[in-house]
Structure formats: structure tokens, C-alpha cells
PDB file of N, CA and C in Angstrom:
ATOM      1  N   MET A   1      31.150  70.493  21.515  1.00  0.00           N
ATOM      2  CA  MET A   1      30.959  69.039  21.488  1.00  0.00           C
ATOM      3  C   MET A   1      32.026  68.412  20.596  1.00  0.00           C
ATOM      4  N   GLU A   2      32.688  67.433  21.134  1.00  0.00           N
ATOM      5  CA  GLU A   2      33.772  66.776  20.398  1.00  0.00           C
ATOM      6  C   GLU A   2      33.197  65.727  19.447  1.00  0.00           C
ATOM      7  N   GLN A   3      33.681  65.728  18.212  1.00  0.00           N
ATOM      8  CA  GLN A   3      33.220  64.729  17.246  1.00  0.00           C
ATOM      9  C   GLN A   3      34.156  63.531  17.248  1.00  0.00           C
ATOM     10  N   LYS A   4      33.565  62.359  17.087  1.00  0.00           N
ATOM     11  CA  LYS A   4      34.372  61.139  16.983  1.00  0.00           C
ATOM     12  C   LYS A   4      35.044  61.116  15.617  1.00  0.00           C
ATOM     13  N   PRO A   5      36.269  60.640  15.578  1.00  0.00           N
ATOM     14  CA  PRO A   5      36.907  60.492  14.260  1.00  0.00           C
ATOM     15  C   PRO A   5      36.108  59.511  13.398  1.00  0.00           C
ATOM     16  N   ARG A   6      36.034  59.802  12.117  1.00  0.00           N
ATOM     17  CA  ARG A   6      35.278  58.929  11.208  1.00  0.00           C
ATOM     18  C   ARG A   6      35.784  57.485  11.230  1.00  0.00           C
ATOM     19  N   TRP A   7      37.103  57.308  11.281  1.00  0.00           N
ATOM     20  CA  TRP A   7      37.687  55.962  11.306  1.00  0.00           C
ATOM     21  C   TRP A   7      37.162  55.187  12.510  1.00  0.00           C
ATOM     22  N   ALA A   8      37.205  55.804  13.684  1.00  0.00           N
ATOM     23  CA  ALA A   8      36.742  55.133  14.902  1.00  0.00           C
ATOM     24  C   ALA A   8      35.258  54.798  14.804  1.00  0.00           C
ATOM     25  N   GLU A   9      34.480  55.713  14.235  1.00  0.00           N
ATOM     26  CA  GLU A   9      33.044  55.481  14.096  1.00  0.00           C
ATOM     27  C   GLU A   9      32.757  54.329  13.132  1.00  0.00           C
ATOM     28  N   MET A  10      33.473  54.291  12.018  1.00  0.00           N
ATOM     29  CA  MET A  10      33.289  53.211  11.050  1.00  0.00           C
ATOM     30  C   MET A  10      33.686  51.866  11.684  1.00  0.00           C
ATOM     31  N   CYS A  11      34.808  51.846  12.366  1.00  0.00           N
ATOM     32  CA  CYS A  11      35.256  50.609  13.024  1.00  0.00           C
ATOM     33  C   CYS A  11      34.256  50.171  14.081  1.00  0.00           C
ATOM     34  N   ALA A  12      33.692  51.133  14.807  1.00  0.00           N
ATOM     35  CA  ALA A  12      32.712  50.808  15.846  1.00  0.00           C
ATOM     36  C   ALA A  12      31.522  50.073  15.243  1.00  0.00           C
ATOM     37  N   ARG A  13      31.036  50.559  14.112  1.00  0.00           N
ATOM     38  CA  ARG A  13      29.882  49.902  13.465  1.00  0.00           C
ATOM     39  C   ARG A  13      30.224  48.482  13.037  1.00  0.00           C
ATOM     40  N   ILE A  14      31.400  48.308  12.498  1.00  0.00           N
ATOM     41  CA  ILE A  14      31.837  46.975  12.073  1.00  0.00           C
ATOM     42  C   ILE A  14      31.953  46.055  13.281  1.00  0.00           C
ATOM     43  N   LEU A  15      32.558  46.551  14.345  1.00  0.00           N
ATOM     44  CA  LEU A  15      32.737  45.727  15.546  1.00  0.00           C
ATOM     45  C   LEU A  15      31.410  45.409  16.215  1.00  0.00           C
ATOM     46  N   GLN A  16      30.449  46.317  16.134  1.00  0.00           N
ATOM     47  CA  GLN A  16      29.118  46.035  16.683  1.00  0.00           C
ATOM     48  C   GLN A  16      28.473  44.873  15.933  1.00  0.00           C
ATOM     49  N   GLN A  17      28.627  44.863  14.612  1.00  0.00           N
ATOM     50  CA  GLN A  17      28.102  43.741  13.819  1.00  0.00           C
ATOM     51  C   GLN A  17      28.832  42.451  14.193  1.00  0.00           C
ATOM     52  N   CYS A  18      30.131  42.550  14.379  1.00  0.00           N
ATOM     53  CA  CYS A  18      30.924  41.366  14.749  1.00  0.00           C
ATOM     54  C   CYS A  18      30.487  40.811  16.096  1.00  0.00           C
ATOM     55  N   GLU A  19      30.124  41.695  17.022  1.00  0.00           N
ATOM     56  CA  GLU A  19      29.627  41.229  18.323  1.00  0.00           C
ATOM     57  C   GLU A  19      28.407  40.342  18.139  1.00  0.00           C
ATOM     58  N   VAL A  20      27.504  40.765  17.281  1.00  0.00           N
ATOM     59  CA  VAL A  20      26.291  39.988  17.019  1.00  0.00           C
ATOM     60  C   VAL A  20      26.663  38.649  16.379  1.00  0.00           C
ATOM     61  N   LEU A  21      27.529  38.697  15.381  1.00  0.00           N
ATOM     62  CA  LEU A  21      27.895  37.488  14.638  1.00  0.00           C
ATOM     63  C   LEU A  21      28.695  36.497  15.480  1.00  0.00           C
ATOM     64  N   ARG A  22      29.484  36.998  16.429  1.00  0.00           N
ATOM     65  CA  ARG A  22      30.319  36.124  17.253  1.00  0.00           C
ATOM     66  C   ARG A  22      29.666  35.774  18.590  1.00  0.00           C
ATOM     67  N   GLY A  23      28.446  36.238  18.819  1.00  0.00           N
ATOM     68  CA  GLY A  23      27.738  35.855  20.038  1.00  0.00           C
ATOM     69  C   GLY A  23      28.089  36.656  21.269  1.00  0.00           C
ATOM     70  N   GLY A  24      28.396  37.937  21.090  1.00  0.00           N
ATOM     71  CA  GLY A  24      28.631  38.803  22.246  1.00  0.00           C
ATOM     72  C   GLY A  24      30.042  39.346  22.321  1.00  0.00           C
ATOM     73  N   ARG A  25      30.196  40.309  23.215  1.00  0.00           N
ATOM     74  CA  ARG A  25      31.472  41.016  23.349  1.00  0.00           C
ATOM     75  C   ARG A  25      32.597  40.116  23.849  1.00  0.00           C
ATOM     76  N   GLU A  26      32.303  39.274  24.843  1.00  0.00           N
ATOM     77  CA  GLU A  26      33.353  38.395  25.383  1.00  0.00           C
ATOM     78  C   GLU A  26      33.873  37.444  24.318  1.00  0.00           C
ATOM     79  N   ASN A  27      32.960  36.851  23.563  1.00  0.00           N
ATOM     80  CA  ASN A  27      33.369  35.933  22.490  1.00  0.00           C
ATOM     81  C   ASN A  27      34.185  36.655  21.428  1.00  0.00           C
ATOM     82  N   LEU A  28      33.767  37.870  21.087  1.00  0.00           N
ATOM     83  CA  LEU A  28      34.494  38.631  20.080  1.00  0.00           C
ATOM     84  C   LEU A  28      35.885  39.007  20.581  1.00  0.00           C
ATOM     85  N   ALA A  29      35.981  39.453  21.832  1.00  0.00           N
ATOM     86  CA  ALA A  29      37.289  39.806  22.403  1.00  0.00           C
ATOM     87  C   ALA A  29      38.222  38.600  22.369  1.00  0.00           C
ATOM     88  N   SER A  30      37.690  37.452  22.719  1.00  0.00           N
ATOM     89  CA  SER A  30      38.485  36.223  22.701  1.00  0.00           C
ATOM     90  C   SER A  30      38.929  35.888  21.280  1.00  0.00           C
ATOM     91  N   PHE A  31      38.011  35.978  20.326  1.00  0.00           N
ATOM     92  CA  PHE A  31      38.325  35.691  18.925  1.00  0.00           C
ATOM     93  C   PHE A  31      39.398  36.631  18.397  1.00  0.00           C
ATOM     94  N   LEU A  32      39.276  37.925  18.748  1.00  0.00           N
ATOM     95  CA  LEU A  32      40.234  38.914  18.263  1.00  0.00           C
ATOM     96  C   LEU A  32      41.539  38.903  19.059  1.00  0.00           C
ATOM     97  N   GLY A  33      41.529  38.241  20.226  1.00  0.00           N
ATOM     98  CA  GLY A  33      42.731  38.185  21.066  1.00  0.00           C
ATOM     99  C   GLY A  33      43.033  39.518  21.727  1.00  0.00           C
ATOM    100  N   VAL A  34      41.965  40.221  22.149  1.00  0.00           N
ATOM    101  CA  VAL A  34      42.145  41.528  22.782  1.00  0.00           C
ATOM    102  C   VAL A  34      41.433  41.577  24.133  1.00  0.00           C
ATOM    103  N   ASN A  35      41.807  42.561  24.934  1.00  0.00           N
ATOM    104  CA  ASN A  35      41.192  42.809  26.230  1.00  0.00           C
ATOM    105  C   ASN A  35      39.781  43.344  26.015  1.00  0.00           C
ATOM    106  N   ILE A  36      38.837  42.877  26.811  1.00  0.00           N
ATOM    107  CA  ILE A  36      37.439  43.284  26.632  1.00  0.00           C
ATOM    108  C   ILE A  36      37.243  44.782  26.871  1.00  0.00           C
ATOM    109  N   ASP A  37      38.020  45.377  27.766  1.00  0.00           N
ATOM    110  CA  ASP A  37      37.902  46.826  28.010  1.00  0.00           C
ATOM    111  C   ASP A  37      38.379  47.625  26.803  1.00  0.00           C
ATOM    112  N   GLU A  38      39.448  47.135  26.184  1.00  0.00           N
ATOM    113  CA  GLU A  38      39.955  47.783  24.970  1.00  0.00           C
ATOM    114  C   GLU A  38      38.913  47.678  23.859  1.00  0.00           C
ATOM    115  N   LEU A  39      38.331  46.492  23.724  1.00  0.00           N
ATOM    116  CA  LEU A  39      37.293  46.277  22.718  1.00  0.00           C
ATOM    117  C   LEU A  39      36.114  47.215  22.964  1.00  0.00           C
ATOM    118  N   ALA A  40      35.745  47.401  24.221  1.00  0.00           N
ATOM    119  CA  ALA A  40      34.626  48.289  24.551  1.00  0.00           C
ATOM    120  C   ALA A  40      34.888  49.706  24.037  1.00  0.00           C
ATOM    121  N   ASP A  41      36.115  50.197  24.198  1.00  0.00           N
ATOM    122  CA  ASP A  41      36.454  51.537  23.684  1.00  0.00           C
ATOM    123  C   ASP A  41      36.271  51.606  22.176  1.00  0.00           C
ATOM    124  N   TRP A  42      36.674  50.563  21.481  1.00  0.00           N
ATOM    125  CA  TRP A  42      36.550  50.540  20.016  1.00  0.00           C
ATOM    126  C   TRP A  42      35.097  50.453  19.588  1.00  0.00           C
ATOM    127  N   VAL A  43      34.314  49.589  20.269  1.00  0.00           N
ATOM    128  CA  VAL A  43      32.900  49.410  19.930  1.00  0.00           C
ATOM    129  C   VAL A  43      32.126  50.702  20.168  1.00  0.00           C
ATOM    130  N   GLU A  44      32.529  51.454  21.177  1.00  0.00           N
ATOM    131  CA  GLU A  44      31.861  52.716  21.495  1.00  0.00           C
ATOM    132  C   GLU A  44      32.397  53.876  20.656  1.00  0.00           C
ATOM    133  N   GLY A  45      33.371  53.615  19.789  1.00  0.00           N
ATOM    134  CA  GLY A  45      33.900  54.640  18.896  1.00  0.00           C
ATOM    135  C   GLY A  45      34.830  55.632  19.572  1.00  0.00           C
ATOM    136  N   LYS A  46      35.339  55.271  20.757  1.00  0.00           N
ATOM    137  CA  LYS A  46      36.248  56.174  21.473  1.00  0.00           C
ATOM    138  C   LYS A  46      37.631  56.192  20.832  1.00  0.00           C
ATOM    139  N   ALA A  47      37.958  55.120  20.138  1.00  0.00           N
ATOM    140  CA  ALA A  47      39.242  54.999  19.443  1.00  0.00           C
ATOM    141  C   ALA A  47      39.091  53.933  18.378  1.00  0.00           C
ATOM    142  N   GLY A  48      39.987  53.953  17.404  1.00  0.00           N
ATOM    143  CA  GLY A  48      39.992  52.916  16.378  1.00  0.00           C
ATOM    144  C   GLY A  48      40.944  51.803  16.787  1.00  0.00           C
ATOM    145  N   PRO A  49      40.652  50.577  16.398  1.00  0.00           N
ATOM    146  CA  PRO A  49      41.514  49.446  16.739  1.00  0.00           C
ATOM    147  C   PRO A  49      42.780  49.428  15.885  1.00  0.00           C
ATOM    148  N   PRO A  50      43.776  48.671  16.317  1.00  0.00           N
ATOM    149  CA  PRO A  50      44.950  48.471  15.461  1.00  0.00           C
ATOM    150  C   PRO A  50      44.536  47.791  14.152  1.00  0.00           C
ATOM    151  N   ARG A  51      45.334  47.986  13.138  1.00  0.00           N
ATOM    152  CA  ARG A  51      45.014  47.449  11.810  1.00  0.00           C
ATOM    153  C   ARG A  51      44.787  45.936  11.837  1.00  0.00           C
ATOM    154  N   ALA A  52      45.618  45.200  12.557  1.00  0.00           N
ATOM    155  CA  ALA A  52      45.477  43.735  12.605  1.00  0.00           C
ATOM    156  C   ALA A  52      44.121  43.324  13.179  1.00  0.00           C
ATOM    157  N   VAL A  53      43.650  44.045  14.175  1.00  0.00           N
ATOM    158  CA  VAL A  53      42.346  43.751  14.778  1.00  0.00           C
ATOM    159  C   VAL A  53      41.236  44.086  13.785  1.00  0.00           C
ATOM    160  N   PHE A  54      41.359  45.222  13.131  1.00  0.00           N
ATOM    161  CA  PHE A  54      40.371  45.625  12.124  1.00  0.00           C
ATOM    162  C   PHE A  54      40.282  44.575  11.021  1.00  0.00           C
ATOM    163  N   GLU A  55      41.423  44.097  10.555  1.00  0.00           N
ATOM    164  CA  GLU A  55      41.428  43.103   9.475  1.00  0.00           C
ATOM    165  C   GLU A  55      40.769  41.802   9.921  1.00  0.00           C
ATOM    166  N   LYS A  56      41.006  41.402  11.165  1.00  0.00           N
ATOM    167  CA  LYS A  56      40.385  40.176  11.668  1.00  0.00           C
ATOM    168  C   LYS A  56      38.868  40.361  11.795  1.00  0.00           C
ATOM    169  N   ALA A  57      38.452  41.560  12.205  1.00  0.00           N
ATOM    170  CA  ALA A  57      37.015  41.852  12.290  1.00  0.00           C
ATOM    171  C   ALA A  57      36.385  41.800  10.896  1.00  0.00           C
ATOM    172  N   MET A  58      37.098  42.316   9.909  1.00  0.00           N
ATOM    173  CA  MET A  58      36.576  42.278   8.541  1.00  0.00           C
ATOM    174  C   MET A  58      36.436  40.841   8.046  1.00  0.00           C
ATOM    175  N   GLU A  59      37.289  39.952   8.501  1.00  0.00           N
ATOM    176  CA  GLU A  59      37.162  38.540   8.129  1.00  0.00           C
ATOM    177  C   GLU A  59      35.827  37.985   8.617  1.00  0.00           C
ATOM    178  N   VAL A  60      35.402  38.400   9.805  1.00  0.00           N
ATOM    179  CA  VAL A  60      34.115  37.959  10.354  1.00  0.00           C
ATOM    180  C   VAL A  60      32.975  38.437   9.445  1.00  0.00           C
ATOM    181  N   ILE A  61      33.035  39.717   9.065  1.00  0.00           N
ATOM    182  CA  ILE A  61      32.003  40.294   8.203  1.00  0.00           C
ATOM    183  C   ILE A  61      31.982  39.593   6.845  1.00  0.00           C
ATOM    184  N   LEU A  62      33.151  39.394   6.257  1.00  0.00           N
ATOM    185  CA  LEU A  62      33.218  38.761   4.935  1.00  0.00           C
ATOM    186  C   LEU A  62      32.772  37.305   4.978  1.00  0.00           C
ATOM    187  N   ALA A  63      33.087  36.606   6.056  1.00  0.00           N
ATOM    188  CA  ALA A  63      32.641  35.213   6.194  1.00  0.00           C
ATOM    189  C   ALA A  63      31.120  35.147   6.253  1.00  0.00           C
ATOM    190  N   GLU A  64      30.501  36.104   6.955  1.00  0.00           N
ATOM    191  CA  GLU A  64      29.036  36.142   7.017  1.00  0.00           C
ATOM    192  C   GLU A  64      28.457  36.478   5.643  1.00  0.00           C
ATOM    193  N   HIS A  65      29.095  37.393   4.943  1.00  0.00           N
ATOM    194  CA  HIS A  65      28.650  37.737   3.591  1.00  0.00           C
ATOM    195  C   HIS A  65      28.708  36.491   2.694  1.00  0.00           C
ATOM    196  N   ASP A  66      29.811  35.764   2.765  1.00  0.00           N
ATOM    197  CA  ASP A  66      29.958  34.548   1.957  1.00  0.00           C
ATOM    198  C   ASP A  66      28.918  33.503   2.340  1.00  0.00           C
ATOM    199  N   ARG A  67      28.647  33.381   3.646  1.00  0.00           N
ATOM    200  CA  ARG A  67      27.652  32.412   4.113  1.00  0.00           C
ATOM    201  C   ARG A  67      26.282  32.757   3.541  1.00  0.00           C
ATOM    202  N   ARG A  68      25.922  34.034   3.591  1.00  0.00           N
ATOM    203  CA  ARG A  68      24.614  34.446   3.072  1.00  0.00           C
ATOM    204  C   ARG A  68      24.544  34.296   1.559  1.00  0.00           C
ATOM    205  N   ALA A  69      25.634  34.599   0.882  1.00  0.00           N
ATOM    206  CA  ALA A  69      25.660  34.470  -0.577  1.00  0.00           C
ATOM    207  C   ALA A  69      25.472  33.011  -0.994  1.00  0.00           C
ATOM    208  N   ALA A  70      26.029  32.094  -0.211  1.00  0.00           N
ATOM    209  CA  ALA A  70      25.909  30.670  -0.525  1.00  0.00           C
ATOM    210  C   ALA A  70      24.468  30.181  -0.379  1.00  0.00           C
ATOM    211  N   LEU A  71      23.687  30.873   0.431  1.00  0.00           N
ATOM    212  CA  LEU A  71      22.283  30.490   0.616  1.00  0.00           C
ATOM    213  C   LEU A  71      21.414  30.894  -0.576  1.00  0.00           C
ATOM    214  N   GLY A  72      21.946  31.767  -1.398  1.00  0.00           N
ATOM    215  CA  GLY A  72      21.189  32.246  -2.548  1.00  0.00           C
ATOM    216  C   GLY A  72      20.409  33.491  -2.187  1.00  0.00           C
ATOM    217  N   PRO A  73      19.796  34.095  -3.184  1.00  0.00           N
ATOM    218  CA  PRO A  73      19.051  35.333  -2.920  1.00  0.00           C
ATOM    219  C   PRO A  73      17.858  35.083  -2.010  1.00  0.00           C
ATOM    220  N   ALA A  74      17.593  36.047  -1.161  1.00  0.00           N
ATOM    221  CA  ALA A  74      16.421  35.959  -0.288  1.00  0.00           C
ATOM    222  C   ALA A  74      15.175  36.094  -1.145  1.00  0.00           C
ATOM    223  N   PRO A  75      14.108  35.401  -0.775  1.00  0.00           N
ATOM    224  CA  PRO A  75      12.874  35.536  -1.557  1.00  0.00           C
ATOM    225  C   PRO A  75      12.375  36.974  -1.499  1.00  0.00           C
ATOM    226  N   LYS A  76      11.905  37.454  -2.629  1.00  0.00           N
ATOM    227  CA  LYS A  76      11.395  38.828  -2.675  1.00  0.00           C
ATOM    228  C   LYS A  76      10.036  38.867  -2.015  1.00  0.00           C
ATOM    229  N   ARG A  77       9.831  39.932  -1.254  1.00  0.00           N
ATOM    230  CA  ARG A  77       8.539  40.096  -0.590  1.00  0.00           C
ATOM    231  C   ARG A  77       7.556  40.751  -1.547  1.00  0.00           C
ATOM    232  N   ARG A  78       6.350  40.265  -1.494  1.00  0.00           N
ATOM    233  CA  ARG A  78       5.278  40.906  -2.255  1.00  0.00           C
ATOM    234  C   ARG A  78       4.643  41.961  -1.367  1.00  0.00           C
ATOM    235  N   ARG A  79       4.041  42.941  -1.982  1.00  0.00           N
ATOM    236  CA  ARG A  79       3.369  43.979  -1.205  1.00  0.00           C
ATOM    237  C   ARG A  79       2.332  43.383  -0.266  1.00  0.00           C
ATOM    238  N   SER A  80       1.684  42.318  -0.709  1.00  0.00           N
ATOM    239  CA  SER A  80       0.640  41.688   0.110  1.00  0.00           C
ATOM    240  C   SER A  80       1.219  40.988   1.338  1.00  0.00           C
ATOM    241  N   ASP A  81       2.541  40.765   1.371  1.00  0.00           N
ATOM    242  CA  ASP A  81       3.174  40.134   2.525  1.00  0.00           C
ATOM    243  C   ASP A  81       3.311  41.102   3.694  1.00  0.00           C
ATOM    244  N   HIS A  82       3.262  42.390   3.428  1.00  0.00           N
ATOM    245  CA  HIS A  82       3.415  43.392   4.476  1.00  0.00           C
ATOM    246  C   HIS A  82       2.080  43.594   5.176  1.00  0.00           C
ATOM    247  N   HIS A  83       2.131  43.709   6.466  1.00  0.00           N
ATOM    248  CA  HIS A  83       0.881  43.860   7.211  1.00  0.00           C
ATOM    249  C   HIS A  83       0.708  45.274   7.660  1.00  0.00           C
TER     250      HIS A  83
END
């Protein structure tokens, strides 16, 4: 069984999150300026994206992190909140 390279696997996870944040694969491909078939290979961990694409994807992740940080800490759940 062939193992996926760690780099490709890490990039795949990041790109999967970016798909959610950008509203789907087509929107993400458009944002990144790449072919959707190429993006599919990266999302599935078949290959790692070029550095420029990876950096642009990281901008999406960091922007979401900044957005959440600006909202302040999430309220802590009490044990009684769990059902």
C-alpha cells in the first residue's frame, strides 16, 4: 500500500478547510486561480500544491482565525449544558 507524502496530506487538510470557508470547491478554485481538477488532486492528497497556492490557502485560514479572534473567546460550556 502506497503512503501519501506528509506534505500532500497536510495540504489536503488545509485545502479541505478552505473549501468550507470559501463555499465549495468551485469557489476555492476560482479564488486560488487554479483548475478545479488540479485542486481536486490536492484536496484528495494525491499531490501537494505549488507554494504560491499553499500560501494563498493559508491566507484563507489565517483570515478566519483573525475573524474568530475578533469575536472574542467562545463562552465556556458548563457540564450541565451537555445532554
